[in-house]
């Protein structure tokens, strides 16, 4: 069988579809040997048609994926099934691999000739790479969530839990020696207030009621003030031209980016002074978190795909926003987040 056979007048429509199809199409015998290959398949695999014809379908498939394909192929040729589909990796002539979705069916010749196998291949490499990338991001985000849970658990157990245990012990001692109580009450009240403040700060990290009821400007300013006290640092915060109301998902997205960016800066920058700017324009809301510290190699950071950077970037992607980092060793770092948002002419602005 040859491509010239398809040029007969009665087969011109089939010939046109075969040669013009964007899907790769192969006609094979029952041994898996290619008899015909259309231009799309030749382009996918990097072979000429005369090179492909005579090759076996397993010659350009990834060996790891060939076993399932061959088992289904044998069932098809034995008449156990009429067709099958699967996703598998193919190997081009130059050695580059790509993902294809394979649909195979058996054509029984009504004139008594040998049955033929029709294989249709769609290049799905972009989709598979996107799925693999998404799965990797999802896995790493889950890991980040688990690390955050561990951090919170450690703070509750190792810090707040132990301080409460010590407070309880001191109260027990005072109960046994009431004459000391009068001089110790003020100190114990101070310890209790500090523990309550730390619990409130931890709760605020998990869910900010100020963000929900008072808006992004008040919530971010409050968080910066709490962060200053807790981390013994200085945070210069300023907000300008923000709308009186933002959609909750945008407010929460910026708030989480701010939290992560400040934590990273306090941990890695080597300095104790940071600048936070939050402002609105007619087309977008923007946030920057800057320091003048140690800085880092942004290309290396992107290659390592740290969990904090992934979390911030993915949050902004969900809001159709953008995330960028400006940093150089010994020249500080600036995290920049942008989310499109139209304020509109009638929007009132809350200018601090």
C-alpha atoms as a PDB file:
ATOM      1  CA  UNK A   1       0.000   0.000   0.000  1.00  0.00           C
ATOM      2  CA  UNK A   2       1.387   3.444  -0.892  1.00  0.00           C
ATOM      3  CA  UNK A   3       0.401   7.086  -0.825  1.00  0.00           C
ATOM      4  CA  UNK A   4      -0.096   6.884  -4.612  1.00  0.00           C
ATOM      5  CA  UNK A   5      -2.899   4.363  -4.029  1.00  0.00           C
ATOM      6  CA  UNK A   6      -4.760   7.045  -2.113  1.00  0.00           C
ATOM      7  CA  UNK A   7      -4.622   9.312  -5.158  1.00  0.00           C
ATOM      8  CA  UNK A   8      -7.129   7.227  -7.096  1.00  0.00           C
ATOM      9  CA  UNK A   9     -10.286   9.230  -7.984  1.00  0.00           C
ATOM     10  CA  UNK A  10     -12.455   7.372  -5.496  1.00  0.00           C
ATOM     11  CA  UNK A  11     -10.066   8.091  -2.677  1.00  0.00           C
ATOM     12  CA  UNK A  12      -9.314  11.758  -3.315  1.00  0.00           C
ATOM     13  CA  UNK A  13     -11.311  12.964  -0.300  1.00  0.00           C
ATOM     14  CA  UNK A  14      -9.528  10.543   1.989  1.00  0.00           C
ATOM     15  CA  UNK A  15      -6.196  11.541   0.457  1.00  0.00           C
ATOM     16  CA  UNK A  16      -6.934  15.221   1.105  1.00  0.00           C
ATOM     17  CA  UNK A  17      -7.891  14.609   4.739  1.00  0.00           C
ATOM     18  CA  UNK A  18      -4.872  12.342   5.252  1.00  0.00           C
ATOM     19  CA  UNK A  19      -2.365  14.856   3.920  1.00  0.00           C
ATOM     20  CA  UNK A  20      -3.927  18.018   5.394  1.00  0.00           C
ATOM     21  CA  UNK A  21      -4.815  16.755   8.879  1.00  0.00           C
ATOM     22  CA  UNK A  22      -3.087  18.417  11.824  1.00  0.00           C
ATOM     23  CA  UNK A  23      -3.138  15.082  13.657  1.00  0.00           C
ATOM     24  CA  UNK A  24      -0.423  12.587  12.963  1.00  0.00           C
ATOM     25  CA  UNK A  25      -1.904   9.597  11.124  1.00  0.00           C
ATOM     26  CA  UNK A  26      -0.311   6.214  10.525  1.00  0.00           C
ATOM     27  CA  UNK A  27      -1.634   3.135   8.748  1.00  0.00           C
ATOM     28  CA  UNK A  28      -0.081  -0.071  10.113  1.00  0.00           C
ATOM     29  CA  UNK A  29      -0.313  -3.784   9.553  1.00  0.00           C
ATOM     30  CA  UNK A  30      -1.141  -6.253  12.307  1.00  0.00           C
ATOM     31  CA  UNK A  31       2.527  -6.475  13.286  1.00  0.00           C
ATOM     32  CA  UNK A  32       2.704  -2.738  13.998  1.00  0.00           C
ATOM     33  CA  UNK A  33       4.741  -1.989  10.857  1.00  0.00           C
ATOM     34  CA  UNK A  34       3.990   1.395   9.309  1.00  0.00           C
ATOM     35  CA  UNK A  35       2.618   1.317   5.789  1.00  0.00           C
ATOM     36  CA  UNK A  36       1.676   4.996   5.500  1.00  0.00           C
ATOM     37  CA  UNK A  37       2.517   8.131   7.490  1.00  0.00           C
ATOM     38  CA  UNK A  38       0.984  11.534   6.835  1.00  0.00           C
ATOM     39  CA  UNK A  39       2.982  14.810   6.787  1.00  0.00           C
ATOM     40  CA  UNK A  40       1.861  15.786  10.284  1.00  0.00           C
ATOM     41  CA  UNK A  41       3.250  12.561  11.775  1.00  0.00           C
ATOM     42  CA  UNK A  42       6.495  12.944   9.826  1.00  0.00           C
ATOM     43  CA  UNK A  43       6.854  16.467  11.199  1.00  0.00           C
ATOM     44  CA  UNK A  44       6.163  15.328  14.771  1.00  0.00           C
ATOM     45  CA  UNK A  45       8.734  12.541  14.622  1.00  0.00           C
ATOM     46  CA  UNK A  46      11.336  14.266  12.436  1.00  0.00           C
ATOM     47  CA  UNK A  47      11.448  11.465   9.838  1.00  0.00           C
ATOM     48  CA  UNK A  48      10.669  11.435   6.129  1.00  0.00           C
ATOM     49  CA  UNK A  49       7.754   9.243   5.084  1.00  0.00           C
ATOM     50  CA  UNK A  50      10.048   6.771   3.313  1.00  0.00           C
ATOM     51  CA  UNK A  51      12.056   6.448   6.571  1.00  0.00           C
ATOM     52  CA  UNK A  52       8.968   5.825   8.695  1.00  0.00           C
ATOM     53  CA  UNK A  53       7.418   3.301   6.373  1.00  0.00           C
ATOM     54  CA  UNK A  54       8.886  -0.026   7.314  1.00  0.00           C
ATOM     55  CA  UNK A  55       9.612   0.999  10.898  1.00  0.00           C
ATOM     56  CA  UNK A  56       7.668  -0.555  13.751  1.00  0.00           C
ATOM     57  CA  UNK A  57       5.492   1.656  15.943  1.00  0.00           C
ATOM     58  CA  UNK A  58       7.695   0.765  18.909  1.00  0.00           C
ATOM     59  CA  UNK A  59      10.818   2.129  17.194  1.00  0.00           C
ATOM     60  CA  UNK A  60       9.949   5.730  18.022  1.00  0.00           C
ATOM     61  CA  UNK A  61       8.169   5.233  21.361  1.00  0.00           C
ATOM     62  CA  UNK A  62       9.565   5.616  24.860  1.00  0.00           C
ATOM     63  CA  UNK A  63      10.317   2.051  26.044  1.00  0.00           C
ATOM     64  CA  UNK A  64       8.682   2.724  29.414  1.00  0.00           C
ATOM     65  CA  UNK A  65       5.356   3.435  27.699  1.00  0.00           C
ATOM     66  CA  UNK A  66       5.524   0.748  25.014  1.00  0.00           C
ATOM     67  CA  UNK A  67       4.462  -2.206  27.163  1.00  0.00           C
ATOM     68  CA  UNK A  68       0.911  -0.965  27.795  1.00  0.00           C
ATOM     69  CA  UNK A  69       0.548   0.148  24.183  1.00  0.00           C
ATOM     70  CA  UNK A  70       1.698  -3.214  22.804  1.00  0.00           C
ATOM     71  CA  UNK A  71      -0.629  -5.161  25.121  1.00  0.00           C
ATOM     72  CA  UNK A  72      -3.607  -3.135  23.899  1.00  0.00           C
ATOM     73  CA  UNK A  73      -2.417  -3.448  20.282  1.00  0.00           C
ATOM     74  CA  UNK A  74      -2.410  -7.238  20.561  1.00  0.00           C
ATOM     75  CA  UNK A  75      -5.930  -7.233  22.025  1.00  0.00           C
ATOM     76  CA  UNK A  76      -7.036  -5.020  19.128  1.00  0.00           C
ATOM     77  CA  UNK A  77      -5.543  -7.329  16.484  1.00  0.00           C
ATOM     78  CA  UNK A  78      -7.067 -10.390  18.216  1.00  0.00           C
ATOM     79  CA  UNK A  79     -10.520  -8.807  18.011  1.00  0.00           C
ATOM     80  CA  UNK A  80     -10.930  -8.469  21.798  1.00  0.00           C
ATOM     81  CA  UNK A  81     -11.370  -4.697  21.471  1.00  0.00           C
ATOM     82  CA  UNK A  82     -12.243  -2.396  18.549  1.00  0.00           C
ATOM     83  CA  UNK A  83     -10.190   0.639  19.588  1.00  0.00           C
ATOM     84  CA  UNK A  84      -8.142   2.077  22.407  1.00  0.00           C
ATOM     85  CA  UNK A  85      -6.645   5.381  23.567  1.00  0.00           C
ATOM     86  CA  UNK A  86      -3.706   6.258  25.768  1.00  0.00           C
ATOM     87  CA  UNK A  87      -1.144   8.977  26.449  1.00  0.00           C
ATOM     88  CA  UNK A  88       2.480   8.068  25.825  1.00  0.00           C
ATOM     89  CA  UNK A  89       5.889   9.545  25.131  1.00  0.00           C
ATOM     90  CA  UNK A  90       7.420   9.478  21.662  1.00  0.00           C
ATOM     91  CA  UNK A  91      11.061   9.879  20.677  1.00  0.00           C
ATOM     92  CA  UNK A  92      11.907  12.032  17.658  1.00  0.00           C
ATOM     93  CA  UNK A  93      14.704  11.167  15.253  1.00  0.00           C
ATOM     94  CA  UNK A  94      16.899  13.750  17.011  1.00  0.00           C
ATOM     95  CA  UNK A  95      16.265  12.076  20.389  1.00  0.00           C
ATOM     96  CA  UNK A  96      13.909  14.740  21.768  1.00  0.00           C
ATOM     97  CA  UNK A  97      10.855  13.322  23.511  1.00  0.00           C
ATOM     98  CA  UNK A  98       7.295  14.629  23.309  1.00  0.00           C
ATOM     99  CA  UNK A  99       3.945  13.566  24.708  1.00  0.00           C
ATOM    100  CA  UNK A 100       1.216  12.328  22.385  1.00  0.00           C
ATOM    101  CA  UNK A 101      -2.361  11.160  22.795  1.00  0.00           C
ATOM    102  CA  UNK A 102      -2.753   7.993  20.732  1.00  0.00           C
ATOM    103  CA  UNK A 103      -6.086   6.764  19.358  1.00  0.00           C
ATOM    104  CA  UNK A 104      -5.946   3.403  17.598  1.00  0.00           C
ATOM    105  CA  UNK A 105      -8.681   1.518  15.755  1.00  0.00           C
ATOM    106  CA  UNK A 106      -8.900  -1.572  13.554  1.00  0.00           C
ATOM    107  CA  UNK A 107     -10.278  -1.350  10.009  1.00  0.00           C
ATOM    108  CA  UNK A 108     -11.572  -4.606   8.571  1.00  0.00           C
ATOM    109  CA  UNK A 109     -11.373  -4.702   4.795  1.00  0.00           C
ATOM    110  CA  UNK A 110     -14.789  -5.588   3.396  1.00  0.00           C
ATOM    111  CA  UNK A 111     -13.168  -6.949   0.196  1.00  0.00           C
ATOM    112  CA  UNK A 112     -11.509  -9.766   2.098  1.00  0.00           C
ATOM    113  CA  UNK A 113      -8.106  -8.139   2.336  1.00  0.00           C
ATOM    114  CA  UNK A 114      -6.007  -7.996   5.485  1.00  0.00           C
ATOM    115  CA  UNK A 115      -7.256  -5.729   8.276  1.00  0.00           C
ATOM    116  CA  UNK A 116      -5.370  -2.478   8.795  1.00  0.00           C
ATOM    117  CA  UNK A 117      -4.648  -0.487  11.931  1.00  0.00           C
ATOM    118  CA  UNK A 118      -5.236   3.272  11.950  1.00  0.00           C
ATOM    119  CA  UNK A 119      -3.311   5.283  14.561  1.00  0.00           C
ATOM    120  CA  UNK A 120      -3.994   8.962  15.246  1.00  0.00           C
ATOM    121  CA  UNK A 121      -1.458  10.954  17.286  1.00  0.00           C
ATOM    122  CA  UNK A 122      -2.074  14.373  18.854  1.00  0.00           C
ATOM    123  CA  UNK A 123       0.877  16.293  20.289  1.00  0.00           C
ATOM    124  CA  UNK A 124      -0.109  17.120  23.884  1.00  0.00           C
ATOM    125  CA  UNK A 125       3.333  18.103  25.156  1.00  0.00           C
ATOM    126  CA  UNK A 126       2.311  21.609  26.257  1.00  0.00           C
ATOM    127  CA  UNK A 127      -0.663  20.290  28.228  1.00  0.00           C
ATOM    128  CA  UNK A 128       1.376  17.536  29.883  1.00  0.00           C
ATOM    129  CA  UNK A 129       4.130  19.953  30.858  1.00  0.00           C
ATOM    130  CA  UNK A 130       1.514  22.312  32.307  1.00  0.00           C
ATOM    131  CA  UNK A 131      -0.057  19.450  34.248  1.00  0.00           C
ATOM    132  CA  UNK A 132       3.317  18.324  35.566  1.00  0.00           C
ATOM    133  CA  UNK A 133       4.259  21.887  36.523  1.00  0.00           C
ATOM    134  CA  UNK A 134       0.906  22.397  38.258  1.00  0.00           C
ATOM    135  CA  UNK A 135       1.279  19.107  40.120  1.00  0.00           C
ATOM    136  CA  UNK A 136       4.754  20.150  41.226  1.00  0.00           C
ATOM    137  CA  UNK A 137       3.522  23.549  42.407  1.00  0.00           C
ATOM    138  CA  UNK A 138       0.590  21.943  44.224  1.00  0.00           C
ATOM    139  CA  UNK A 139       2.925  19.487  45.938  1.00  0.00           C
ATOM    140  CA  UNK A 140       5.293  22.219  47.033  1.00  0.00           C
ATOM    141  CA  UNK A 141       2.447  24.434  48.243  1.00  0.00           C
ATOM    142  CA  UNK A 142       1.142  21.544  50.335  1.00  0.00           C
ATOM    143  CA  UNK A 143       4.652  21.146  51.740  1.00  0.00           C
ATOM    144  CA  UNK A 144       4.698  24.877  52.507  1.00  0.00           C
ATOM    145  CA  UNK A 145       1.358  24.606  54.302  1.00  0.00           C
ATOM    146  CA  UNK A 146       2.643  21.692  56.352  1.00  0.00           C
ATOM    147  CA  UNK A 147       5.766  23.642  57.300  1.00  0.00           C
ATOM    148  CA  UNK A 148       3.591  26.565  58.359  1.00  0.00           C
ATOM    149  CA  UNK A 149       1.473  24.245  60.497  1.00  0.00           C
ATOM    150  CA  UNK A 150       4.663  22.875  62.079  1.00  0.00           C
ATOM    151  CA  UNK A 151       5.861  26.426  62.780  1.00  0.00           C
ATOM    152  CA  UNK A 152       2.581  27.382  64.429  1.00  0.00           C
ATOM    153  CA  UNK A 153       2.502  24.132  66.397  1.00  0.00           C
ATOM    154  CA  UNK A 154       6.060  24.747  67.600  1.00  0.00           C
ATOM    155  CA  UNK A 155       5.217  28.302  68.665  1.00  0.00           C
ATOM    156  CA  UNK A 156       2.165  27.087  70.567  1.00  0.00           C
ATOM    157  CA  UNK A 157       3.995  24.200  72.224  1.00  0.00           C
ATOM    158  CA  UNK A 158       7.536  25.452  72.763  1.00  0.00           C
ATOM    159  CA  UNK A 159       6.767  29.084  73.529  1.00  0.00           C
ATOM    160  CA  UNK A 160       3.211  29.831  74.555  1.00  0.00           C
ATOM    161  CA  UNK A 161       2.571  26.384  76.054  1.00  0.00           C
ATOM    162  CA  UNK A 162       5.689  26.520  78.215  1.00  0.00           C
ATOM    163  CA  UNK A 163       5.015  30.072  79.341  1.00  0.00           C
ATOM    164  CA  UNK A 164       1.490  29.099  80.374  1.00  0.00           C
ATOM    165  CA  UNK A 165       2.882  26.094  82.249  1.00  0.00           C
ATOM    166  CA  UNK A 166       5.342  28.345  84.114  1.00  0.00           C
ATOM    167  CA  UNK A 167       2.575  30.818  84.895  1.00  0.00           C
ATOM    168  CA  UNK A 168       0.418  28.022  86.269  1.00  0.00           C
ATOM    169  CA  UNK A 169       3.327  26.807  88.404  1.00  0.00           C
ATOM    170  CA  UNK A 170       3.904  30.279  89.837  1.00  0.00           C
ATOM    171  CA  UNK A 171       0.217  30.665  90.623  1.00  0.00           C
ATOM    172  CA  UNK A 172       0.317  27.327  92.421  1.00  0.00           C
ATOM    173  CA  UNK A 173       3.263  28.515  94.516  1.00  0.00           C
ATOM    174  CA  UNK A 174       1.435  31.694  95.417  1.00  0.00           C
ATOM    175  CA  UNK A 175      -1.571  29.681  96.483  1.00  0.00           C
ATOM    176  CA  UNK A 176       0.674  27.760  98.855  1.00  0.00           C
ATOM    177  CA  UNK A 177       2.322  30.963 100.139  1.00  0.00           C
ATOM    178  CA  UNK A 178      -0.340  33.705 100.008  1.00  0.00           C
ATOM    179  CA  UNK A 179       1.948  36.248 101.730  1.00  0.00           C
ATOM    180  CA  UNK A 180       3.972  36.560  98.502  1.00  0.00           C
ATOM    181  CA  UNK A 181       0.885  37.068  96.347  1.00  0.00           C
ATOM    182  CA  UNK A 182       0.543  40.788  96.899  1.00  0.00           C
ATOM    183  CA  UNK A 183       4.027  41.557  95.556  1.00  0.00           C
ATOM    184  CA  UNK A 184       3.808  39.115  92.650  1.00  0.00           C
ATOM    185  CA  UNK A 185       0.377  39.888  91.211  1.00  0.00           C
ATOM    186  CA  UNK A 186       1.548  42.782  89.032  1.00  0.00           C
ATOM    187  CA  UNK A 187       4.324  40.675  87.478  1.00  0.00           C
ATOM    188  CA  UNK A 188       1.961  37.788  86.805  1.00  0.00           C
ATOM    189  CA  UNK A 189      -0.573  40.148  85.239  1.00  0.00           C
ATOM    190  CA  UNK A 190       2.177  41.436  82.929  1.00  0.00           C
ATOM    191  CA  UNK A 191       3.157  37.891  81.912  1.00  0.00           C
ATOM    192  CA  UNK A 192      -0.489  37.032  81.248  1.00  0.00           C
ATOM    193  CA  UNK A 193      -0.951  40.139  79.084  1.00  0.00           C
ATOM    194  CA  UNK A 194       2.189  39.295  77.053  1.00  0.00           C
ATOM    195  CA  UNK A 195       0.991  35.750  76.415  1.00  0.00           C
ATOM    196  CA  UNK A 196      -2.438  37.038  75.367  1.00  0.00           C
ATOM    197  CA  UNK A 197      -0.777  39.547  73.002  1.00  0.00           C
ATOM    198  CA  UNK A 198       1.364  36.836  71.391  1.00  0.00           C
ATOM    199  CA  UNK A 199      -1.669  34.579  70.934  1.00  0.00           C
ATOM    200  CA  UNK A 200      -3.546  37.479  69.334  1.00  0.00           C
ATOM    201  CA  UNK A 201      -0.599  38.138  67.005  1.00  0.00           C
ATOM    202  CA  UNK A 202      -0.466  34.462  65.982  1.00  0.00           C
ATOM    203  CA  UNK A 203      -4.218  34.471  65.400  1.00  0.00           C
ATOM    204  CA  UNK A 204      -3.869  37.600  63.300  1.00  0.00           C
ATOM    205  CA  UNK A 205      -1.357  35.836  61.069  1.00  0.00           C
ATOM    206  CA  UNK A 206      -3.852  33.059  60.413  1.00  0.00           C
ATOM    207  CA  UNK A 207      -6.881  35.301  59.886  1.00  0.00           C
ATOM    208  CA  UNK A 208      -7.044  39.069  60.108  1.00  0.00           C
ATOM    209  CA  UNK A 209     -10.438  40.343  61.238  1.00  0.00           C
ATOM    210  CA  UNK A 210      -9.150  43.863  60.538  1.00  0.00           C
ATOM    211  CA  UNK A 211      -8.652  42.883  56.909  1.00  0.00           C
ATOM    212  CA  UNK A 212     -12.236  41.678  56.731  1.00  0.00           C
ATOM    213  CA  UNK A 213     -13.902  44.610  58.481  1.00  0.00           C
ATOM    214  CA  UNK A 214     -11.538  47.594  58.169  1.00  0.00           C
ATOM    215  CA  UNK A 215      -9.881  47.004  54.810  1.00  0.00           C
ATOM    216  CA  UNK A 216      -6.443  46.345  53.376  1.00  0.00           C
ATOM    217  CA  UNK A 217      -4.820  49.658  54.398  1.00  0.00           C
ATOM    218  CA  UNK A 218      -5.672  49.352  58.089  1.00  0.00           C
ATOM    219  CA  UNK A 219      -4.872  45.627  58.184  1.00  0.00           C
ATOM    220  CA  UNK A 220      -1.467  45.986  56.545  1.00  0.00           C
ATOM    221  CA  UNK A 221      -0.514  48.936  58.743  1.00  0.00           C
ATOM    222  CA  UNK A 222      -1.559  46.994  61.841  1.00  0.00           C
ATOM    223  CA  UNK A 223       0.409  43.939  60.746  1.00  0.00           C
ATOM    224  CA  UNK A 224       3.528  46.025  60.120  1.00  0.00           C
ATOM    225  CA  UNK A 225       3.244  47.497  63.619  1.00  0.00           C
ATOM    226  CA  UNK A 226       2.812  44.056  65.171  1.00  0.00           C
ATOM    227  CA  UNK A 227       5.719  42.728  63.110  1.00  0.00           C
ATOM    228  CA  UNK A 228       7.922  45.559  64.394  1.00  0.00           C
ATOM    229  CA  UNK A 229       7.162  44.685  68.006  1.00  0.00           C
ATOM    230  CA  UNK A 230       7.436  40.947  67.568  1.00  0.00           C
ATOM    231  CA  UNK A 231      10.640  40.893  65.476  1.00  0.00           C
ATOM    232  CA  UNK A 232      12.309  43.968  67.040  1.00  0.00           C
ATOM    233  CA  UNK A 233      12.622  45.686  63.643  1.00  0.00           C
ATOM    234  CA  UNK A 234      11.488  48.922  61.973  1.00  0.00           C
ATOM    235  CA  UNK A 235       8.873  48.843  59.212  1.00  0.00           C
ATOM    236  CA  UNK A 236       8.228  52.089  57.360  1.00  0.00           C
ATOM    237  CA  UNK A 237       4.692  51.653  56.000  1.00  0.00           C
ATOM    238  CA  UNK A 238       2.836  54.011  53.682  1.00  0.00           C
ATOM    239  CA  UNK A 239      -0.361  53.609  51.681  1.00  0.00           C
ATOM    240  CA  UNK A 240      -1.717  55.993  49.038  1.00  0.00           C
ATOM    241  CA  UNK A 241      -4.780  56.294  46.845  1.00  0.00           C
ATOM    242  CA  UNK A 242      -6.384  52.992  47.799  1.00  0.00           C
ATOM    243  CA  UNK A 243     -10.070  52.426  47.062  1.00  0.00           C
ATOM    244  CA  UNK A 244     -12.429  52.312  50.021  1.00  0.00           C
ATOM    245  CA  UNK A 245     -13.226  48.698  49.191  1.00  0.00           C
ATOM    246  CA  UNK A 246     -11.392  45.919  47.416  1.00  0.00           C
ATOM    247  CA  UNK A 247     -12.655  42.435  46.519  1.00  0.00           C
ATOM    248  CA  UNK A 248     -11.819  40.065  49.410  1.00  0.00           C
ATOM    249  CA  UNK A 249      -9.610  37.852  47.240  1.00  0.00           C
ATOM    250  CA  UNK A 250      -7.405  40.804  46.220  1.00  0.00           C
ATOM    251  CA  UNK A 251      -7.124  42.077  49.794  1.00  0.00           C
ATOM    252  CA  UNK A 252      -6.229  38.632  51.120  1.00  0.00           C
ATOM    253  CA  UNK A 253      -3.736  38.040  48.291  1.00  0.00           C
ATOM    254  CA  UNK A 254      -1.820  41.241  49.047  1.00  0.00           C
ATOM    255  CA  UNK A 255      -1.960  40.592  52.794  1.00  0.00           C
ATOM    256  CA  UNK A 256      -0.420  37.105  52.411  1.00  0.00           C
ATOM    257  CA  UNK A 257       2.269  38.399  50.044  1.00  0.00           C
ATOM    258  CA  UNK A 258       3.133  41.107  52.585  1.00  0.00           C
ATOM    259  CA  UNK A 259       3.385  38.544  55.397  1.00  0.00           C
ATOM    260  CA  UNK A 260       5.649  36.229  53.402  1.00  0.00           C
ATOM    261  CA  UNK A 261       7.817  39.041  52.037  1.00  0.00           C
ATOM    262  CA  UNK A 262       8.418  40.592  55.468  1.00  0.00           C
ATOM    263  CA  UNK A 263       9.209  37.208  57.038  1.00  0.00           C
ATOM    264  CA  UNK A 264      11.735  36.498  54.276  1.00  0.00           C
ATOM    265  CA  UNK A 265      13.283  39.954  54.617  1.00  0.00           C
ATOM    266  CA  UNK A 266      13.646  39.662  58.390  1.00  0.00           C
ATOM    267  CA  UNK A 267      15.147  36.195  58.056  1.00  0.00           C
ATOM    268  CA  UNK A 268      17.570  36.677  55.160  1.00  0.00           C
ATOM    269  CA  UNK A 269      18.349  40.380  54.577  1.00  0.00           C
ATOM    270  CA  UNK A 270      20.637  40.938  57.562  1.00  0.00           C
ATOM    271  CA  UNK A 271      19.103  44.369  58.268  1.00  0.00           C
ATOM    272  CA  UNK A 272      16.412  45.556  60.675  1.00  0.00           C
ATOM    273  CA  UNK A 273      14.741  48.302  58.618  1.00  0.00           C
ATOM    274  CA  UNK A 274      12.175  47.648  55.888  1.00  0.00           C
ATOM    275  CA  UNK A 275       9.905  49.742  53.667  1.00  0.00           C
ATOM    276  CA  UNK A 276       6.379  48.752  52.673  1.00  0.00           C
ATOM    277  CA  UNK A 277       4.399  50.703  50.083  1.00  0.00           C
ATOM    278  CA  UNK A 278       0.799  49.962  49.100  1.00  0.00           C
ATOM    279  CA  UNK A 279      -0.951  52.149  46.552  1.00  0.00           C
ATOM    280  CA  UNK A 280      -3.584  52.281  43.864  1.00  0.00           C
ATOM    281  CA  UNK A 281      -3.731  53.764  40.371  1.00  0.00           C
ATOM    282  CA  UNK A 282      -6.527  53.943  37.833  1.00  0.00           C
ATOM    283  CA  UNK A 283      -5.586  50.515  36.535  1.00  0.00           C
ATOM    284  CA  UNK A 284      -4.047  48.447  39.328  1.00  0.00           C
ATOM    285  CA  UNK A 285      -3.123  47.979  42.963  1.00  0.00           C
ATOM    286  CA  UNK A 286       0.582  47.680  43.775  1.00  0.00           C
ATOM    287  CA  UNK A 287       2.653  46.564  46.750  1.00  0.00           C
ATOM    288  CA  UNK A 288       6.402  46.773  47.314  1.00  0.00           C
ATOM    289  CA  UNK A 289       8.430  45.402  50.208  1.00  0.00           C
ATOM    290  CA  UNK A 290      12.040  46.650  50.202  1.00  0.00           C
ATOM    291  CA  UNK A 291      15.220  46.350  52.230  1.00  0.00           C
ATOM    292  CA  UNK A 292      18.810  47.492  51.779  1.00  0.00           C
ATOM    293  CA  UNK A 293      20.312  44.234  53.002  1.00  0.00           C
ATOM    294  CA  UNK A 294      22.391  41.379  51.664  1.00  0.00           C
ATOM    295  CA  UNK A 295      20.323  40.736  48.555  1.00  0.00           C
ATOM    296  CA  UNK A 296      20.633  37.558  46.495  1.00  0.00           C
ATOM    297  CA  UNK A 297      21.049  36.163  42.998  1.00  0.00           C
ATOM    298  CA  UNK A 298      17.536  36.281  41.517  1.00  0.00           C
ATOM    299  CA  UNK A 299      18.360  33.746  38.777  1.00  0.00           C
ATOM    300  CA  UNK A 300      19.547  31.224  41.345  1.00  0.00           C
ATOM    301  CA  UNK A 301      16.447  31.899  43.452  1.00  0.00           C
ATOM    302  CA  UNK A 302      14.150  31.312  40.480  1.00  0.00           C
ATOM    303  CA  UNK A 303      15.980  28.089  39.668  1.00  0.00           C
ATOM    304  CA  UNK A 304      15.618  26.799  43.225  1.00  0.00           C
ATOM    305  CA  UNK A 305      11.934  27.863  43.319  1.00  0.00           C
ATOM    306  CA  UNK A 306      11.812  28.480  47.043  1.00  0.00           C
ATOM    307  CA  UNK A 307       8.469  27.713  48.614  1.00  0.00           C
ATOM    308  CA  UNK A 308       7.895  31.290  49.747  1.00  0.00           C
ATOM    309  CA  UNK A 309       8.445  32.666  46.257  1.00  0.00           C
ATOM    310  CA  UNK A 310       6.144  30.046  44.747  1.00  0.00           C
ATOM    311  CA  UNK A 311       3.400  30.847  47.236  1.00  0.00           C
ATOM    312  CA  UNK A 312       3.529  34.587  46.491  1.00  0.00           C
ATOM    313  CA  UNK A 313       3.719  34.123  42.738  1.00  0.00           C
ATOM    314  CA  UNK A 314       0.850  31.611  42.607  1.00  0.00           C
ATOM    315  CA  UNK A 315      -1.397  33.848  44.714  1.00  0.00           C
ATOM    316  CA  UNK A 316      -0.902  36.712  42.280  1.00  0.00           C
ATOM    317  CA  UNK A 317      -1.419  34.483  39.235  1.00  0.00           C
ATOM    318  CA  UNK A 318      -4.845  33.532  40.602  1.00  0.00           C
ATOM    319  CA  UNK A 319      -5.652  37.260  40.655  1.00  0.00           C
ATOM    320  CA  UNK A 320      -4.296  37.808  37.104  1.00  0.00           C
ATOM    321  CA  UNK A 321      -1.493  39.787  38.713  1.00  0.00           C
ATOM    322  CA  UNK A 322       2.277  39.814  38.386  1.00  0.00           C
ATOM    323  CA  UNK A 323       5.118  39.197  40.810  1.00  0.00           C
ATOM    324  CA  UNK A 324       8.706  40.380  40.372  1.00  0.00           C
ATOM    325  CA  UNK A 325      11.921  40.521  42.402  1.00  0.00           C
ATOM    326  CA  UNK A 326      14.699  43.083  42.084  1.00  0.00           C
ATOM    327  CA  UNK A 327      17.808  42.066  43.990  1.00  0.00           C
ATOM    328  CA  UNK A 328      21.578  41.878  43.762  1.00  0.00           C
ATOM    329  CA  UNK A 329      24.085  40.618  46.306  1.00  0.00           C
ATOM    330  CA  UNK A 330      24.895  43.419  48.798  1.00  0.00           C
ATOM    331  CA  UNK A 331      22.396  45.784  47.120  1.00  0.00           C
ATOM    332  CA  UNK A 332      19.118  44.916  48.843  1.00  0.00           C
ATOM    333  CA  UNK A 333      15.875  43.406  47.635  1.00  0.00           C
ATOM    334  CA  UNK A 334      12.497  44.699  46.456  1.00  0.00           C
ATOM    335  CA  UNK A 335       9.436  42.484  46.103  1.00  0.00           C
ATOM    336  CA  UNK A 336       6.889  44.012  43.707  1.00  0.00           C
ATOM    337  CA  UNK A 337       3.292  42.786  43.378  1.00  0.00           C
ATOM    338  CA  UNK A 338       0.722  44.157  40.937  1.00  0.00           C
ATOM    339  CA  UNK A 339      -2.932  43.236  40.444  1.00  0.00           C
ATOM    340  CA  UNK A 340      -5.155  44.881  37.800  1.00  0.00           C
ATOM    341  CA  UNK A 341      -8.110  46.688  39.305  1.00  0.00           C
ATOM    342  CA  UNK A 342     -10.144  49.555  37.878  1.00  0.00           C
ATOM    343  CA  UNK A 343     -11.014  52.152  40.483  1.00  0.00           C
ATOM    344  CA  UNK A 344     -13.554  53.924  38.290  1.00  0.00           C
ATOM    345  CA  UNK A 345     -14.446  57.592  38.388  1.00  0.00           C
ATOM    346  CA  UNK A 346     -17.010  57.230  41.168  1.00  0.00           C
ATOM    347  CA  UNK A 347     -14.778  55.234  43.509  1.00  0.00           C
ATOM    348  CA  UNK A 348     -13.990  57.046  46.705  1.00  0.00           C
ATOM    349  CA  UNK A 349     -10.389  56.831  47.748  1.00  0.00           C
ATOM    350  CA  UNK A 350      -9.087  56.303  51.214  1.00  0.00           C
ATOM    351  CA  UNK A 351      -5.956  58.420  51.321  1.00  0.00           C
ATOM    352  CA  UNK A 352      -4.028  58.086  54.498  1.00  0.00           C
END
